[in-house]
């Protein structure tokens, strides 16, 4: 996920907010140079990816807990 304007120093881990809806759509990771044409842009992880990874981990932990109870 790329975005403008660039994040400020120390804002890694902060929310990326959709200006039109106010919804959190991702989490900031930092900046990167994509190309000499596009220049430096902010980049982050989309909220959907975070949700999917978190859900998978919860499911795995739940399964492991049930197996350890046997």
PDB file of N, CA and C in Angstrom:
ATOM      1  N   UNK A   1       0.855  -1.161   0.000  1.00  0.00           N
ATOM      2  CA  UNK A   1       0.000   0.000   0.000  1.00  0.00           C
ATOM      3  C   UNK A   1       0.902   1.224   0.000  1.00  0.00           C
ATOM      4  N   UNK A   2       0.722   2.096  -0.991  1.00  0.00           N
ATOM      5  CA  UNK A   2       1.488   3.336  -1.069  1.00  0.00           C
ATOM      6  C   UNK A   2       0.564   4.518  -0.829  1.00  0.00           C
ATOM      7  N   UNK A   3       1.109   5.582  -0.280  1.00  0.00           N
ATOM      8  CA  UNK A   3       0.283   6.752  -0.007  1.00  0.00           C
ATOM      9  C   UNK A   3       1.107   8.030   0.011  1.00  0.00           C
ATOM     10  N   UNK A   4       0.431   9.128  -0.127  1.00  0.00           N
ATOM     11  CA  UNK A   4       0.996  10.472  -0.011  1.00  0.00           C
ATOM     12  C   UNK A   4       0.136  11.227   0.979  1.00  0.00           C
ATOM     13  N   UNK A   5       0.589  12.158   1.733  1.00  0.00           N
ATOM     14  CA  UNK A   5       1.960  12.642   1.850  1.00  0.00           C
ATOM     15  C   UNK A   5       2.804  11.656   2.633  1.00  0.00           C
ATOM     16  N   UNK A   6       4.112  11.903   2.644  1.00  0.00           N
ATOM     17  CA  UNK A   6       5.036  11.036   3.363  1.00  0.00           C
ATOM     18  C   UNK A   6       4.749  11.058   4.856  1.00  0.00           C
ATOM     19  N   UNK A   7       4.939   9.913   5.517  1.00  0.00           N
ATOM     20  CA  UNK A   7       4.768   9.899   6.967  1.00  0.00           C
ATOM     21  C   UNK A   7       5.897  10.689   7.631  1.00  0.00           C
ATOM     22  N   UNK A   8       5.616  11.245   8.779  1.00  0.00           N
ATOM     23  CA  UNK A   8       6.638  11.976   9.517  1.00  0.00           C
ATOM     24  C   UNK A   8       7.485  11.001  10.325  1.00  0.00           C
ATOM     25  N   UNK A   9       8.665  11.424  10.694  1.00  0.00           N
ATOM     26  CA  UNK A   9       9.557  10.591  11.498  1.00  0.00           C
ATOM     27  C   UNK A   9       8.855  10.158  12.780  1.00  0.00           C
ATOM     28  N   UNK A  10       8.934   8.877  13.067  1.00  0.00           N
ATOM     29  CA  UNK A  10       8.330   8.341  14.284  1.00  0.00           C
ATOM     30  C   UNK A  10       6.880   7.924  14.151  1.00  0.00           C
ATOM     31  N   UNK A  11       6.322   8.022  12.943  1.00  0.00           N
ATOM     32  CA  UNK A  11       4.900   7.680  12.793  1.00  0.00           C
ATOM     33  C   UNK A  11       4.670   6.230  12.361  1.00  0.00           C
ATOM     34  N   UNK A  12       5.732   5.440  12.259  1.00  0.00           N
ATOM     35  CA  UNK A  12       5.567   4.018  11.933  1.00  0.00           C
ATOM     36  C   UNK A  12       4.647   3.363  12.952  1.00  0.00           C
ATOM     37  N   UNK A  13       3.738   2.538  12.454  1.00  0.00           N
ATOM     38  CA  UNK A  13       2.770   1.885  13.323  1.00  0.00           C
ATOM     39  C   UNK A  13       1.485   2.682  13.490  1.00  0.00           C
ATOM     40  N   UNK A  14       1.480   3.897  12.970  1.00  0.00           N
ATOM     41  CA  UNK A  14       0.285   4.739  13.054  1.00  0.00           C
ATOM     42  C   UNK A  14      -0.735   4.364  11.987  1.00  0.00           C
ATOM     43  N   UNK A  15      -1.960   4.834  12.131  1.00  0.00           N
ATOM     44  CA  UNK A  15      -3.008   4.483  11.177  1.00  0.00           C
ATOM     45  C   UNK A  15      -2.882   5.237   9.858  1.00  0.00           C
ATOM     46  N   UNK A  16      -3.292   4.577   8.778  1.00  0.00           N
ATOM     47  CA  UNK A  16      -3.485   5.241   7.487  1.00  0.00           C
ATOM     48  C   UNK A  16      -4.993   5.401   7.368  1.00  0.00           C
ATOM     49  N   UNK A  17      -5.453   6.646   7.280  1.00  0.00           N
ATOM     50  CA  UNK A  17      -6.883   6.942   7.324  1.00  0.00           C
ATOM     51  C   UNK A  17      -7.371   7.412   5.957  1.00  0.00           C
ATOM     52  N   UNK A  18      -8.493   6.852   5.503  1.00  0.00           N
ATOM     53  CA  UNK A  18      -9.147   7.298   4.274  1.00  0.00           C
ATOM     54  C   UNK A  18      -9.793   8.644   4.569  1.00  0.00           C
ATOM     55  N   UNK A  19      -9.351   9.682   3.873  1.00  0.00           N
ATOM     56  CA  UNK A  19      -9.866  11.031   4.131  1.00  0.00           C
ATOM     57  C   UNK A  19     -11.362  11.165   3.894  1.00  0.00           C
ATOM     58  N   UNK A  20     -11.887  10.442   2.921  1.00  0.00           N
ATOM     59  CA  UNK A  20     -13.305  10.610   2.592  1.00  0.00           C
ATOM     60  C   UNK A  20     -14.232   9.903   3.580  1.00  0.00           C
ATOM     61  N   UNK A  21     -13.781   8.773   4.159  1.00  0.00           N
ATOM     62  CA  UNK A  21     -14.657   8.021   5.062  1.00  0.00           C
ATOM     63  C   UNK A  21     -14.229   8.084   6.523  1.00  0.00           C
ATOM     64  N   UNK A  22     -12.975   8.424   6.762  1.00  0.00           N
ATOM     65  CA  UNK A  22     -12.457   8.432   8.128  1.00  0.00           C
ATOM     66  C   UNK A  22     -12.098   7.049   8.633  1.00  0.00           C
ATOM     67  N   UNK A  23     -12.202   6.050   7.764  1.00  0.00           N
ATOM     68  CA  UNK A  23     -11.908   4.666   8.151  1.00  0.00           C
ATOM     69  C   UNK A  23     -10.404   4.418   8.149  1.00  0.00           C
ATOM     70  N   UNK A  24      -9.940   3.603   9.081  1.00  0.00           N
ATOM     71  CA  UNK A  24      -8.544   3.173   9.089  1.00  0.00           C
ATOM     72  C   UNK A  24      -8.402   2.096   8.020  1.00  0.00           C
ATOM     73  N   UNK A  25      -7.524   2.344   7.043  1.00  0.00           N
ATOM     74  CA  UNK A  25      -7.364   1.414   5.927  1.00  0.00           C
ATOM     75  C   UNK A  25      -6.022   0.701   5.948  1.00  0.00           C
ATOM     76  N   UNK A  26      -5.155   1.045   6.903  1.00  0.00           N
ATOM     77  CA  UNK A  26      -3.854   0.390   6.976  1.00  0.00           C
ATOM     78  C   UNK A  26      -3.025   0.925   8.124  1.00  0.00           C
ATOM     79  N   UNK A  27      -1.790   0.416   8.197  1.00  0.00           N
ATOM     80  CA  UNK A  27      -0.836   0.826   9.220  1.00  0.00           C
ATOM     81  C   UNK A  27       0.458   1.237   8.527  1.00  0.00           C
ATOM     82  N   UNK A  28       0.994   2.405   8.904  1.00  0.00           N
ATOM     83  CA  UNK A  28       2.218   2.931   8.302  1.00  0.00           C
ATOM     84  C   UNK A  28       3.431   2.106   8.687  1.00  0.00           C
ATOM     85  N   UNK A  29       4.313   1.887   7.695  1.00  0.00           N
ATOM     86  CA  UNK A  29       5.575   1.207   7.948  1.00  0.00           C
ATOM     87  C   UNK A  29       6.770   2.118   7.726  1.00  0.00           C
ATOM     88  N   UNK A  30       6.684   3.040   6.778  1.00  0.00           N
ATOM     89  CA  UNK A  30       7.815   3.924   6.510  1.00  0.00           C
ATOM     90  C   UNK A  30       7.722   4.552   5.144  1.00  0.00           C
ATOM     91  N   UNK A  31       8.902   4.854   4.565  1.00  0.00           N
ATOM     92  CA  UNK A  31       8.966   5.442   3.232  1.00  0.00           C
ATOM     93  C   UNK A  31       9.875   4.593   2.361  1.00  0.00           C
ATOM     94  N   UNK A  32       9.694   4.734   1.059  1.00  0.00           N
ATOM     95  CA  UNK A  32      10.582   4.033   0.135  1.00  0.00           C
ATOM     96  C   UNK A  32      10.601   4.735  -1.204  1.00  0.00           C
ATOM     97  N   UNK A  33      11.705   4.576  -1.931  1.00  0.00           N
ATOM     98  CA  UNK A  33      11.859   5.130  -3.262  1.00  0.00           C
ATOM     99  C   UNK A  33      11.403   4.084  -4.254  1.00  0.00           C
ATOM    100  N   UNK A  34      10.296   4.359  -4.953  1.00  0.00           N
ATOM    101  CA  UNK A  34       9.780   3.393  -5.924  1.00  0.00           C
ATOM    102  C   UNK A  34      10.452   3.536  -7.286  1.00  0.00           C
ATOM    103  N   UNK A  35      10.645   4.772  -7.718  1.00  0.00           N
ATOM    104  CA  UNK A  35      11.319   5.015  -8.990  1.00  0.00           C
ATOM    105  C   UNK A  35      11.641   6.497  -9.066  1.00  0.00           C
ATOM    106  N   UNK A  36      12.476   6.853 -10.009  1.00  0.00           N
ATOM    107  CA  UNK A  36      12.818   8.270 -10.143  1.00  0.00           C
ATOM    108  C   UNK A  36      11.617   9.080 -10.616  1.00  0.00           C
ATOM    109  N   UNK A  37      10.652   8.426 -11.258  1.00  0.00           N
ATOM    110  CA  UNK A  37       9.448   9.119 -11.724  1.00  0.00           C
ATOM    111  C   UNK A  37       8.462   9.315 -10.571  1.00  0.00           C
ATOM    112  N   UNK A  38       8.179   8.238  -9.837  1.00  0.00           N
ATOM    113  CA  UNK A  38       7.211   8.305  -8.743  1.00  0.00           C
ATOM    114  C   UNK A  38       7.813   8.915  -7.484  1.00  0.00           C
ATOM    115  N   UNK A  39       9.113   8.792  -7.324  1.00  0.00           N
ATOM    116  CA  UNK A  39       9.785   9.361  -6.166  1.00  0.00           C
ATOM    117  C   UNK A  39       9.523   8.590  -4.888  1.00  0.00           C
ATOM    118  N   UNK A  40       9.755   9.256  -3.775  1.00  0.00           N
ATOM    119  CA  UNK A  40       9.592   8.633  -2.463  1.00  0.00           C
ATOM    120  C   UNK A  40       8.127   8.702  -2.062  1.00  0.00           C
ATOM    121  N   UNK A  41       7.604   7.587  -1.594  1.00  0.00           N
ATOM    122  CA  UNK A  41       6.223   7.541  -1.119  1.00  0.00           C
ATOM    123  C   UNK A  41       6.178   6.799   0.205  1.00  0.00           C
ATOM    124  N   UNK A  42       5.116   7.045   0.937  1.00  0.00           N
ATOM    125  CA  UNK A  42       4.900   6.278   2.155  1.00  0.00           C
ATOM    126  C   UNK A  42       4.406   4.894   1.785  1.00  0.00           C
ATOM    127  N   UNK A  43       4.656   3.928   2.652  1.00  0.00           N
ATOM    128  CA  UNK A  43       4.134   2.580   2.410  1.00  0.00           C
ATOM    129  C   UNK A  43       3.691   1.969   3.715  1.00  0.00           C
ATOM    130  N   UNK A  44       2.751   1.056   3.589  1.00  0.00           N
ATOM    131  CA  UNK A  44       2.190   0.440   4.776  1.00  0.00           C
ATOM    132  C   UNK A  44       1.498  -0.862   4.446  1.00  0.00           C
ATOM    133  N   UNK A  45       0.892  -1.434   5.471  1.00  0.00           N
ATOM    134  CA  UNK A  45       0.179  -2.703   5.341  1.00  0.00           C
ATOM    135  C   UNK A  45      -1.318  -2.413   5.324  1.00  0.00           C
ATOM    136  N   UNK A  46      -2.056  -2.943   4.337  1.00  0.00           N
ATOM    137  CA  UNK A  46      -3.502  -2.752   4.314  1.00  0.00           C
ATOM    138  C   UNK A  46      -4.168  -3.406   5.537  1.00  0.00           C
ATOM    139  N   UNK A  47      -5.229  -2.795   6.024  1.00  0.00           N
ATOM    140  CA  UNK A  47      -5.954  -3.307   7.190  1.00  0.00           C
ATOM    141  C   UNK A  47      -6.458  -4.729   6.959  1.00  0.00           C
ATOM    142  N   UNK A  48      -6.861  -5.044   5.728  1.00  0.00           N
ATOM    143  CA  UNK A  48      -7.369  -6.384   5.429  1.00  0.00           C
ATOM    144  C   UNK A  48      -6.299  -7.448   5.685  1.00  0.00           C
ATOM    145  N   UNK A  49      -5.051  -7.136   5.339  1.00  0.00           N
ATOM    146  CA  UNK A  49      -3.952  -8.082   5.540  1.00  0.00           C
ATOM    147  C   UNK A  49      -3.730  -8.329   7.025  1.00  0.00           C
ATOM    148  N   UNK A  50      -3.763  -7.273   7.813  1.00  0.00           N
ATOM    149  CA  UNK A  50      -3.589  -7.403   9.259  1.00  0.00           C
ATOM    150  C   UNK A  50      -4.709  -8.265   9.837  1.00  0.00           C
ATOM    151  N   UNK A  51      -5.932  -8.013   9.406  1.00  0.00           N
ATOM    152  CA  UNK A  51      -7.085  -8.787   9.891  1.00  0.00           C
ATOM    153  C   UNK A  51      -6.934 -10.265   9.541  1.00  0.00           C
ATOM    154  N   UNK A  52      -6.541 -10.554   8.291  1.00  0.00           N
ATOM    155  CA  UNK A  52      -6.404 -11.945   7.846  1.00  0.00           C
ATOM    156  C   UNK A  52      -5.323 -12.676   8.635  1.00  0.00           C
ATOM    157  N   UNK A  53      -4.174 -12.043   8.829  1.00  0.00           N
ATOM    158  CA  UNK A  53      -3.080 -12.675   9.570  1.00  0.00           C
ATOM    159  C   UNK A  53      -3.494 -12.898  11.020  1.00  0.00           C
ATOM    160  N   UNK A  54      -4.128 -11.907  11.611  1.00  0.00           N
ATOM    161  CA  UNK A  54      -4.566 -12.031  13.009  1.00  0.00           C
ATOM    162  C   UNK A  54      -5.597 -13.150  13.153  1.00  0.00           C
ATOM    163  N   UNK A  55      -6.536 -13.238  12.231  1.00  0.00           N
ATOM    164  CA  UNK A  55      -7.566 -14.277  12.273  1.00  0.00           C
ATOM    165  C   UNK A  55      -6.936 -15.658  12.145  1.00  0.00           C
ATOM    166  N   UNK A  56      -5.975 -15.811  11.226  1.00  0.00           N
ATOM    167  CA  UNK A  56      -5.295 -17.100  11.053  1.00  0.00           C
ATOM    168  C   UNK A  56      -4.577 -17.502  12.333  1.00  0.00           C
ATOM    169  N   UNK A  57      -3.903 -16.564  12.963  1.00  0.00           N
ATOM    170  CA  UNK A  57      -3.170 -16.880  14.193  1.00  0.00           C
ATOM    171  C   UNK A  57      -4.118 -17.273  15.312  1.00  0.00           C
ATOM    172  N   UNK A  58      -5.254 -16.595  15.406  1.00  0.00           N
ATOM    173  CA  UNK A  58      -6.226 -16.942  16.434  1.00  0.00           C
ATOM    174  C   UNK A  58      -6.758 -18.355  16.211  1.00  0.00           C
ATOM    175  N   UNK A  59      -7.002 -18.704  14.951  1.00  0.00           N
ATOM    176  CA  UNK A  59      -7.503 -20.039  14.643  1.00  0.00           C
ATOM    177  C   UNK A  59      -6.460 -21.096  14.986  1.00  0.00           C
ATOM    178  N   UNK A  60      -5.200 -20.852  14.654  1.00  0.00           N
ATOM    179  CA  UNK A  60      -4.124 -21.798  14.957  1.00  0.00           C
ATOM    180  C   UNK A  60      -3.982 -21.947  16.464  1.00  0.00           C
ATOM    181  N   UNK A  61      -3.971 -20.829  17.189  1.00  0.00           N
ATOM    182  CA  UNK A  61      -3.838 -20.892  18.644  1.00  0.00           C
ATOM    183  C   UNK A  61      -5.004 -21.647  19.277  1.00  0.00           C
ATOM    184  N   UNK A  62      -6.197 -21.443  18.762  1.00  0.00           N
ATOM    185  CA  UNK A  62      -7.376 -22.131  19.285  1.00  0.00           C
ATOM    186  C   UNK A  62      -7.254 -23.636  19.059  1.00  0.00           C
ATOM    187  N   UNK A  63      -6.789 -24.028  17.875  1.00  0.00           N
ATOM    188  CA  UNK A  63      -6.611 -25.443  17.562  1.00  0.00           C
ATOM    189  C   UNK A  63      -5.542 -26.064  18.458  1.00  0.00           C
ATOM    190  N   UNK A  64      -4.426 -25.368  18.641  1.00  0.00           N
ATOM    191  CA  UNK A  64      -3.351 -25.877  19.481  1.00  0.00           C
ATOM    192  C   UNK A  64      -3.811 -26.020  20.932  1.00  0.00           C
ATOM    193  N   UNK A  65      -4.618 -25.081  21.399  1.00  0.00           N
ATOM    194  CA  UNK A  65      -5.124 -25.153  22.766  1.00  0.00           C
ATOM    195  C   UNK A  65      -6.021 -26.373  22.928  1.00  0.00           C
ATOM    196  N   UNK A  66      -6.910 -26.619  21.956  1.00  0.00           N
ATOM    197  CA  UNK A  66      -7.788 -27.792  22.031  1.00  0.00           C
ATOM    198  C   UNK A  66      -6.987 -29.076  21.997  1.00  0.00           C
ATOM    199  N   UNK A  67      -5.939 -29.142  21.185  1.00  0.00           N
ATOM    200  CA  UNK A  67      -5.123 -30.338  21.096  1.00  0.00           C
ATOM    201  C   UNK A  67      -4.363 -30.589  22.398  1.00  0.00           C
ATOM    202  N   UNK A  68      -3.933 -29.528  23.051  1.00  0.00           N
ATOM    203  CA  UNK A  68      -3.191 -29.697  24.297  1.00  0.00           C
ATOM    204  C   UNK A  68      -4.102 -30.120  25.448  1.00  0.00           C
ATOM    205  N   UNK A  69      -5.404 -29.884  25.314  1.00  0.00           N
ATOM    206  CA  UNK A  69      -6.366 -30.278  26.345  1.00  0.00           C
ATOM    207  C   UNK A  69      -6.693 -31.769  26.294  1.00  0.00           C
ATOM    208  N   UNK A  70      -6.303 -32.395  25.181  1.00  0.00           N
ATOM    209  CA  UNK A  70      -6.634 -33.823  25.006  1.00  0.00           C
ATOM    210  C   UNK A  70      -5.743 -34.697  25.836  1.00  0.00           C
TER     211      UNK A  70
END
